[in-house]
């Protein structure tokens, strides 16, 4: 027997991910951006540490927290 697994709607996933990404990027830029952005290096080297931090924080901290908060709403 195959059970159909219910997935959240894409727009709800987009909203929840944005709710995590926006403040995370803002905090990272506010804390380390002042040290990284003025450097005279290519943009891909400037964004490398920022994205490593943001993705790690999102995957291990923010998204699990948002799933606890919005999980039931996302599955409706």
PDB file of N, CA and C in Angstrom:
ATOM      1  N   UNK A   1       0.830  -1.183   0.000  1.00  0.00           N
ATOM      2  CA  UNK A   1       0.000   0.000   0.000  1.00  0.00           C
ATOM      3  C   UNK A   1       0.873   1.245   0.000  1.00  0.00           C
ATOM      4  N   UNK A   2       0.471   2.185  -0.777  1.00  0.00           N
ATOM      5  CA  UNK A   2       1.232   3.439  -0.779  1.00  0.00           C
ATOM      6  C   UNK A   2       0.412   4.525  -0.111  1.00  0.00           C
ATOM      7  N   UNK A   3       1.011   5.106   0.880  1.00  0.00           N
ATOM      8  CA  UNK A   3       0.357   6.229   1.549  1.00  0.00           C
ATOM      9  C   UNK A   3       0.809   7.509   0.890  1.00  0.00           C
ATOM     10  N   UNK A   4      -0.132   8.392   0.688  1.00  0.00           N
ATOM     11  CA  UNK A   4       0.212   9.677   0.095  1.00  0.00           C
ATOM     12  C   UNK A   4       0.706  10.612   1.198  1.00  0.00           C
ATOM     13  N   UNK A   5       1.929  11.080   1.036  1.00  0.00           N
ATOM     14  CA  UNK A   5       2.507  12.002   2.014  1.00  0.00           C
ATOM     15  C   UNK A   5       2.117  13.412   1.621  1.00  0.00           C
ATOM     16  N   UNK A   6       1.512  14.095   2.564  1.00  0.00           N
ATOM     17  CA  UNK A   6       1.075  15.464   2.297  1.00  0.00           C
ATOM     18  C   UNK A   6       2.271  16.407   2.382  1.00  0.00           C
ATOM     19  N   UNK A   7       2.414  17.249   1.386  1.00  0.00           N
ATOM     20  CA  UNK A   7       3.484  18.233   1.354  1.00  0.00           C
ATOM     21  C   UNK A   7       2.890  19.622   1.520  1.00  0.00           C
ATOM     22  N   UNK A   8       3.633  20.526   2.151  1.00  0.00           N
ATOM     23  CA  UNK A   8       3.127  21.896   2.276  1.00  0.00           C
ATOM     24  C   UNK A   8       3.070  22.582   0.914  1.00  0.00           C
ATOM     25  N   UNK A   9       2.176  23.532   0.798  1.00  0.00           N
ATOM     26  CA  UNK A   9       2.075  24.296  -0.442  1.00  0.00           C
ATOM     27  C   UNK A   9       3.349  25.115  -0.624  1.00  0.00           C
ATOM     28  N   UNK A  10       3.714  25.300  -1.892  1.00  0.00           N
ATOM     29  CA  UNK A  10       4.966  26.007  -2.183  1.00  0.00           C
ATOM     30  C   UNK A  10       4.971  27.432  -1.653  1.00  0.00           C
ATOM     31  N   UNK A  11       3.844  28.116  -1.743  1.00  0.00           N
ATOM     32  CA  UNK A  11       3.824  29.507  -1.305  1.00  0.00           C
ATOM     33  C   UNK A  11       4.017  29.591   0.208  1.00  0.00           C
ATOM     34  N   UNK A  12       3.510  28.601   0.936  1.00  0.00           N
ATOM     35  CA  UNK A  12       3.711  28.598   2.386  1.00  0.00           C
ATOM     36  C   UNK A  12       5.176  28.326   2.723  1.00  0.00           C
ATOM     37  N   UNK A  13       5.788  27.416   1.993  1.00  0.00           N
ATOM     38  CA  UNK A  13       7.216  27.158   2.194  1.00  0.00           C
ATOM     39  C   UNK A  13       8.023  28.414   1.900  1.00  0.00           C
ATOM     40  N   UNK A  14       7.671  29.112   0.825  1.00  0.00           N
ATOM     41  CA  UNK A  14       8.386  30.339   0.457  1.00  0.00           C
ATOM     42  C   UNK A  14       8.271  31.386   1.560  1.00  0.00           C
ATOM     43  N   UNK A  15       7.085  31.543   2.128  1.00  0.00           N
ATOM     44  CA  UNK A  15       6.870  32.527   3.197  1.00  0.00           C
ATOM     45  C   UNK A  15       7.714  32.181   4.417  1.00  0.00           C
ATOM     46  N   UNK A  16       7.688  30.927   4.826  1.00  0.00           N
ATOM     47  CA  UNK A  16       8.423  30.508   6.021  1.00  0.00           C
ATOM     48  C   UNK A  16       9.935  30.639   5.799  1.00  0.00           C
ATOM     49  N   UNK A  17      10.409  30.245   4.635  1.00  0.00           N
ATOM     50  CA  UNK A  17      11.840  30.377   4.347  1.00  0.00           C
ATOM     51  C   UNK A  17      12.244  31.841   4.319  1.00  0.00           C
ATOM     52  N   UNK A  18      11.416  32.691   3.729  1.00  0.00           N
ATOM     53  CA  UNK A  18      11.729  34.125   3.713  1.00  0.00           C
ATOM     54  C   UNK A  18      11.762  34.677   5.136  1.00  0.00           C
ATOM     55  N   UNK A  19      10.827  34.224   5.986  1.00  0.00           N
ATOM     56  CA  UNK A  19      10.808  34.680   7.382  1.00  0.00           C
ATOM     57  C   UNK A  19      12.100  34.301   8.115  1.00  0.00           C
ATOM     58  N   UNK A  20      12.765  33.265   7.667  1.00  0.00           N
ATOM     59  CA  UNK A  20      14.044  32.889   8.261  1.00  0.00           C
ATOM     60  C   UNK A  20      15.224  33.551   7.588  1.00  0.00           C
ATOM     61  N   UNK A  21      15.198  33.627   6.269  1.00  0.00           N
ATOM     62  CA  UNK A  21      16.333  34.164   5.507  1.00  0.00           C
ATOM     63  C   UNK A  21      16.542  35.654   5.757  1.00  0.00           C
ATOM     64  N   UNK A  22      15.484  36.434   5.681  1.00  0.00           N
ATOM     65  CA  UNK A  22      15.634  37.889   5.783  1.00  0.00           C
ATOM     66  C   UNK A  22      16.308  38.314   7.093  1.00  0.00           C
ATOM     67  N   UNK A  23      15.799  37.905   8.254  1.00  0.00           N
ATOM     68  CA  UNK A  23      16.474  38.344   9.484  1.00  0.00           C
ATOM     69  C   UNK A  23      17.865  37.731   9.656  1.00  0.00           C
ATOM     70  N   UNK A  24      18.060  36.513   9.171  1.00  0.00           N
ATOM     71  CA  UNK A  24      19.374  35.889   9.298  1.00  0.00           C
ATOM     72  C   UNK A  24      20.415  36.650   8.489  1.00  0.00           C
ATOM     73  N   UNK A  25      20.091  36.970   7.248  1.00  0.00           N
ATOM     74  CA  UNK A  25      21.020  37.737   6.411  1.00  0.00           C
ATOM     75  C   UNK A  25      21.254  39.115   7.015  1.00  0.00           C
ATOM     76  N   UNK A  26      20.209  39.739   7.522  1.00  0.00           N
ATOM     77  CA  UNK A  26      20.331  41.068   8.119  1.00  0.00           C
ATOM     78  C   UNK A  26      21.286  41.044   9.311  1.00  0.00           C
ATOM     79  N   UNK A  27      21.134  40.051  10.174  1.00  0.00           N
ATOM     80  CA  UNK A  27      22.003  39.945  11.353  1.00  0.00           C
ATOM     81  C   UNK A  27      23.448  39.660  10.939  1.00  0.00           C
ATOM     82  N   UNK A  28      23.632  38.759   9.989  1.00  0.00           N
ATOM     83  CA  UNK A  28      24.995  38.432   9.540  1.00  0.00           C
ATOM     84  C   UNK A  28      25.653  39.656   8.913  1.00  0.00           C
ATOM     85  N   UNK A  29      24.940  40.361   8.055  1.00  0.00           N
ATOM     86  CA  UNK A  29      25.515  41.555   7.437  1.00  0.00           C
ATOM     87  C   UNK A  29      25.797  42.647   8.464  1.00  0.00           C
ATOM     88  N   UNK A  30      24.923  42.766   9.462  1.00  0.00           N
ATOM     89  CA  UNK A  30      25.128  43.792  10.489  1.00  0.00           C
ATOM     90  C   UNK A  30      26.331  43.477  11.370  1.00  0.00           C
ATOM     91  N   UNK A  31      26.642  42.193  11.533  1.00  0.00           N
ATOM     92  CA  UNK A  31      27.743  41.835  12.423  1.00  0.00           C
ATOM     93  C   UNK A  31      29.083  41.701  11.696  1.00  0.00           C
ATOM     94  N   UNK A  32      29.109  41.009  10.567  1.00  0.00           N
ATOM     95  CA  UNK A  32      30.402  40.831   9.894  1.00  0.00           C
ATOM     96  C   UNK A  32      30.494  41.575   8.569  1.00  0.00           C
ATOM     97  N   UNK A  33      29.399  42.089   8.085  1.00  0.00           N
ATOM     98  CA  UNK A  33      29.410  42.780   6.799  1.00  0.00           C
ATOM     99  C   UNK A  33      30.342  43.976   6.770  1.00  0.00           C
ATOM    100  N   UNK A  34      30.435  44.675   7.875  1.00  0.00           N
ATOM    101  CA  UNK A  34      31.309  45.848   7.927  1.00  0.00           C
ATOM    102  C   UNK A  34      32.777  45.490   7.753  1.00  0.00           C
ATOM    103  N   UNK A  35      33.123  44.241   8.031  1.00  0.00           N
ATOM    104  CA  UNK A  35      34.507  43.801   7.868  1.00  0.00           C
ATOM    105  C   UNK A  35      34.765  43.197   6.482  1.00  0.00           C
ATOM    106  N   UNK A  36      33.745  42.572   5.922  1.00  0.00           N
ATOM    107  CA  UNK A  36      33.918  41.852   4.659  1.00  0.00           C
ATOM    108  C   UNK A  36      33.645  42.744   3.448  1.00  0.00           C
ATOM    109  N   UNK A  37      32.557  43.499   3.479  1.00  0.00           N
ATOM    110  CA  UNK A  37      32.136  44.254   2.297  1.00  0.00           C
ATOM    111  C   UNK A  37      33.153  45.299   1.834  1.00  0.00           C
ATOM    112  N   UNK A  38      33.863  46.017   2.720  1.00  0.00           N
ATOM    113  CA  UNK A  38      34.833  47.014   2.236  1.00  0.00           C
ATOM    114  C   UNK A  38      36.107  46.424   1.622  1.00  0.00           C
ATOM    115  N   UNK A  39      36.342  45.134   1.790  1.00  0.00           N
ATOM    116  CA  UNK A  39      37.565  44.528   1.262  1.00  0.00           C
ATOM    117  C   UNK A  39      37.597  44.641  -0.262  1.00  0.00           C
ATOM    118  N   UNK A  40      38.764  44.842  -0.778  1.00  0.00           N
ATOM    119  CA  UNK A  40      38.939  44.954  -2.233  1.00  0.00           C
ATOM    120  C   UNK A  40      39.239  43.575  -2.824  1.00  0.00           C
ATOM    121  N   UNK A  41      38.241  42.711  -2.734  1.00  0.00           N
ATOM    122  CA  UNK A  41      38.333  41.360  -3.282  1.00  0.00           C
ATOM    123  C   UNK A  41      37.090  41.120  -4.136  1.00  0.00           C
ATOM    124  N   UNK A  42      37.119  40.125  -5.002  1.00  0.00           N
ATOM    125  CA  UNK A  42      35.950  39.850  -5.850  1.00  0.00           C
ATOM    126  C   UNK A  42      34.706  39.542  -5.017  1.00  0.00           C
ATOM    127  N   UNK A  43      33.550  39.870  -5.580  1.00  0.00           N
ATOM    128  CA  UNK A  43      32.283  39.706  -4.862  1.00  0.00           C
ATOM    129  C   UNK A  43      32.053  38.262  -4.435  1.00  0.00           C
ATOM    130  N   UNK A  44      32.478  37.297  -5.245  1.00  0.00           N
ATOM    131  CA  UNK A  44      32.255  35.901  -4.858  1.00  0.00           C
ATOM    132  C   UNK A  44      33.056  35.521  -3.615  1.00  0.00           C
ATOM    133  N   UNK A  45      34.160  36.186  -3.365  1.00  0.00           N
ATOM    134  CA  UNK A  45      34.905  35.941  -2.131  1.00  0.00           C
ATOM    135  C   UNK A  45      34.285  36.670  -0.942  1.00  0.00           C
ATOM    136  N   UNK A  46      33.600  37.766  -1.207  1.00  0.00           N
ATOM    137  CA  UNK A  46      32.894  38.468  -0.132  1.00  0.00           C
ATOM    138  C   UNK A  46      31.662  37.685   0.308  1.00  0.00           C
ATOM    139  N   UNK A  47      30.952  37.118  -0.658  1.00  0.00           N
ATOM    140  CA  UNK A  47      29.710  36.411  -0.324  1.00  0.00           C
ATOM    141  C   UNK A  47      29.952  35.001   0.206  1.00  0.00           C
ATOM    142  N   UNK A  48      31.122  34.450  -0.023  1.00  0.00           N
ATOM    143  CA  UNK A  48      31.418  33.091   0.435  1.00  0.00           C
ATOM    144  C   UNK A  48      31.235  32.921   1.951  1.00  0.00           C
ATOM    145  N   UNK A  49      31.883  33.715   2.795  1.00  0.00           N
ATOM    146  CA  UNK A  49      31.685  33.512   4.239  1.00  0.00           C
ATOM    147  C   UNK A  49      30.257  33.850   4.684  1.00  0.00           C
ATOM    148  N   UNK A  50      29.654  34.837   4.046  1.00  0.00           N
ATOM    149  CA  UNK A  50      28.287  35.207   4.414  1.00  0.00           C
ATOM    150  C   UNK A  50      27.335  34.061   4.129  1.00  0.00           C
ATOM    151  N   UNK A  51      27.438  33.465   2.940  1.00  0.00           N
ATOM    152  CA  UNK A  51      26.530  32.366   2.599  1.00  0.00           C
ATOM    153  C   UNK A  51      26.808  31.120   3.429  1.00  0.00           C
ATOM    154  N   UNK A  52      28.075  30.860   3.739  1.00  0.00           N
ATOM    155  CA  UNK A  52      28.381  29.711   4.600  1.00  0.00           C
ATOM    156  C   UNK A  52      27.725  29.863   5.970  1.00  0.00           C
ATOM    157  N   UNK A  53      27.786  31.057   6.517  1.00  0.00           N
ATOM    158  CA  UNK A  53      27.173  31.311   7.824  1.00  0.00           C
ATOM    159  C   UNK A  53      25.659  31.239   7.735  1.00  0.00           C
ATOM    160  N   UNK A  54      25.068  31.924   6.747  1.00  0.00           N
ATOM    161  CA  UNK A  54      23.602  31.978   6.626  1.00  0.00           C
ATOM    162  C   UNK A  54      23.019  30.588   6.396  1.00  0.00           C
ATOM    163  N   UNK A  55      23.591  29.825   5.493  1.00  0.00           N
ATOM    164  CA  UNK A  55      23.060  28.488   5.206  1.00  0.00           C
ATOM    165  C   UNK A  55      23.169  27.593   6.439  1.00  0.00           C
ATOM    166  N   UNK A  56      24.293  27.635   7.119  1.00  0.00           N
ATOM    167  CA  UNK A  56      24.468  26.812   8.323  1.00  0.00           C
ATOM    168  C   UNK A  56      23.459  27.180   9.406  1.00  0.00           C
ATOM    169  N   UNK A  57      23.307  28.455   9.661  1.00  0.00           N
ATOM    170  CA  UNK A  57      22.353  28.906  10.678  1.00  0.00           C
ATOM    171  C   UNK A  57      20.928  28.550  10.276  1.00  0.00           C
ATOM    172  N   UNK A  58      20.597  28.711   9.006  1.00  0.00           N
ATOM    173  CA  UNK A  58      19.249  28.375   8.532  1.00  0.00           C
ATOM    174  C   UNK A  58      18.957  26.890   8.712  1.00  0.00           C
ATOM    175  N   UNK A  59      19.868  26.030   8.285  1.00  0.00           N
ATOM    176  CA  UNK A  59      19.616  24.587   8.302  1.00  0.00           C
ATOM    177  C   UNK A  59      19.560  24.028   9.722  1.00  0.00           C
ATOM    178  N   UNK A  60      20.465  24.478  10.584  1.00  0.00           N
ATOM    179  CA  UNK A  60      20.574  23.859  11.896  1.00  0.00           C
ATOM    180  C   UNK A  60      19.839  24.594  13.019  1.00  0.00           C
ATOM    181  N   UNK A  61      19.479  25.856  12.810  1.00  0.00           N
ATOM    182  CA  UNK A  61      18.837  26.623  13.887  1.00  0.00           C
ATOM    183  C   UNK A  61      17.468  27.161  13.454  1.00  0.00           C
ATOM    184  N   UNK A  62      17.458  27.981  12.426  1.00  0.00           N
ATOM    185  CA  UNK A  62      16.256  28.748  12.079  1.00  0.00           C
ATOM    186  C   UNK A  62      15.145  27.873  11.501  1.00  0.00           C
ATOM    187  N   UNK A  63      15.436  27.052  10.510  1.00  0.00           N
ATOM    188  CA  UNK A  63      14.379  26.244   9.902  1.00  0.00           C
ATOM    189  C   UNK A  63      13.744  25.244  10.871  1.00  0.00           C
ATOM    190  N   UNK A  64      14.520  24.552  11.708  1.00  0.00           N
ATOM    191  CA  UNK A  64      13.845  23.695  12.697  1.00  0.00           C
ATOM    192  C   UNK A  64      12.936  24.486  13.639  1.00  0.00           C
ATOM    193  N   UNK A  65      13.365  25.664  14.040  1.00  0.00           N
ATOM    194  CA  UNK A  65      12.528  26.507  14.893  1.00  0.00           C
ATOM    195  C   UNK A  65      11.260  26.950  14.161  1.00  0.00           C
ATOM    196  N   UNK A  66      11.413  27.389  12.925  1.00  0.00           N
ATOM    197  CA  UNK A  66      10.251  27.813  12.146  1.00  0.00           C
ATOM    198  C   UNK A  66       9.307  26.649  11.865  1.00  0.00           C
ATOM    199  N   UNK A  67       9.855  25.457  11.696  1.00  0.00           N
ATOM    200  CA  UNK A  67       9.004  24.283  11.480  1.00  0.00           C
ATOM    201  C   UNK A  67       8.152  24.007  12.719  1.00  0.00           C
ATOM    202  N   UNK A  68       8.742  24.169  13.907  1.00  0.00           N
ATOM    203  CA  UNK A  68       7.966  23.988  15.138  1.00  0.00           C
ATOM    204  C   UNK A  68       6.858  25.027  15.245  1.00  0.00           C
ATOM    205  N   UNK A  69       7.162  26.259  14.866  1.00  0.00           N
ATOM    206  CA  UNK A  69       6.197  27.351  14.999  1.00  0.00           C
ATOM    207  C   UNK A  69       5.102  27.268  13.927  1.00  0.00           C
ATOM    208  N   UNK A  70       5.502  27.015  12.679  1.00  0.00           N
ATOM    209  CA  UNK A  70       4.568  27.086  11.562  1.00  0.00           C
ATOM    210  C   UNK A  70       4.204  25.733  10.963  1.00  0.00           C
ATOM    211  N   UNK A  71       4.671  24.634  11.541  1.00  0.00           N
ATOM    212  CA  UNK A  71       4.464  23.313  10.959  1.00  0.00           C
ATOM    213  C   UNK A  71       3.010  22.967  10.693  1.00  0.00           C
ATOM    214  N   UNK A  72       2.141  23.177  11.673  1.00  0.00           N
ATOM    215  CA  UNK A  72       0.723  22.836  11.498  1.00  0.00           C
ATOM    216  C   UNK A  72       0.085  23.715  10.422  1.00  0.00           C
ATOM    217  N   UNK A  73       0.416  24.988  10.430  1.00  0.00           N
ATOM    218  CA  UNK A  73      -0.141  25.913   9.416  1.00  0.00           C
ATOM    219  C   UNK A  73       0.318  25.494   8.011  1.00  0.00           C
ATOM    220  N   UNK A  74       1.554  25.097   7.882  1.00  0.00           N
ATOM    221  CA  UNK A  74       2.078  24.726   6.567  1.00  0.00           C
ATOM    222  C   UNK A  74       1.385  23.481   6.016  1.00  0.00           C
ATOM    223  N   UNK A  75       0.956  22.581   6.880  1.00  0.00           N
ATOM    224  CA  UNK A  75       0.341  21.340   6.418  1.00  0.00           C
ATOM    225  C   UNK A  75      -1.161  21.453   6.171  1.00  0.00           C
ATOM    226  N   UNK A  76      -1.732  22.603   6.477  1.00  0.00           N
ATOM    227  CA  UNK A  76      -3.182  22.772   6.209  1.00  0.00           C
ATOM    228  C   UNK A  76      -3.428  22.976   4.755  1.00  0.00           C
TER     229      UNK A  76
END
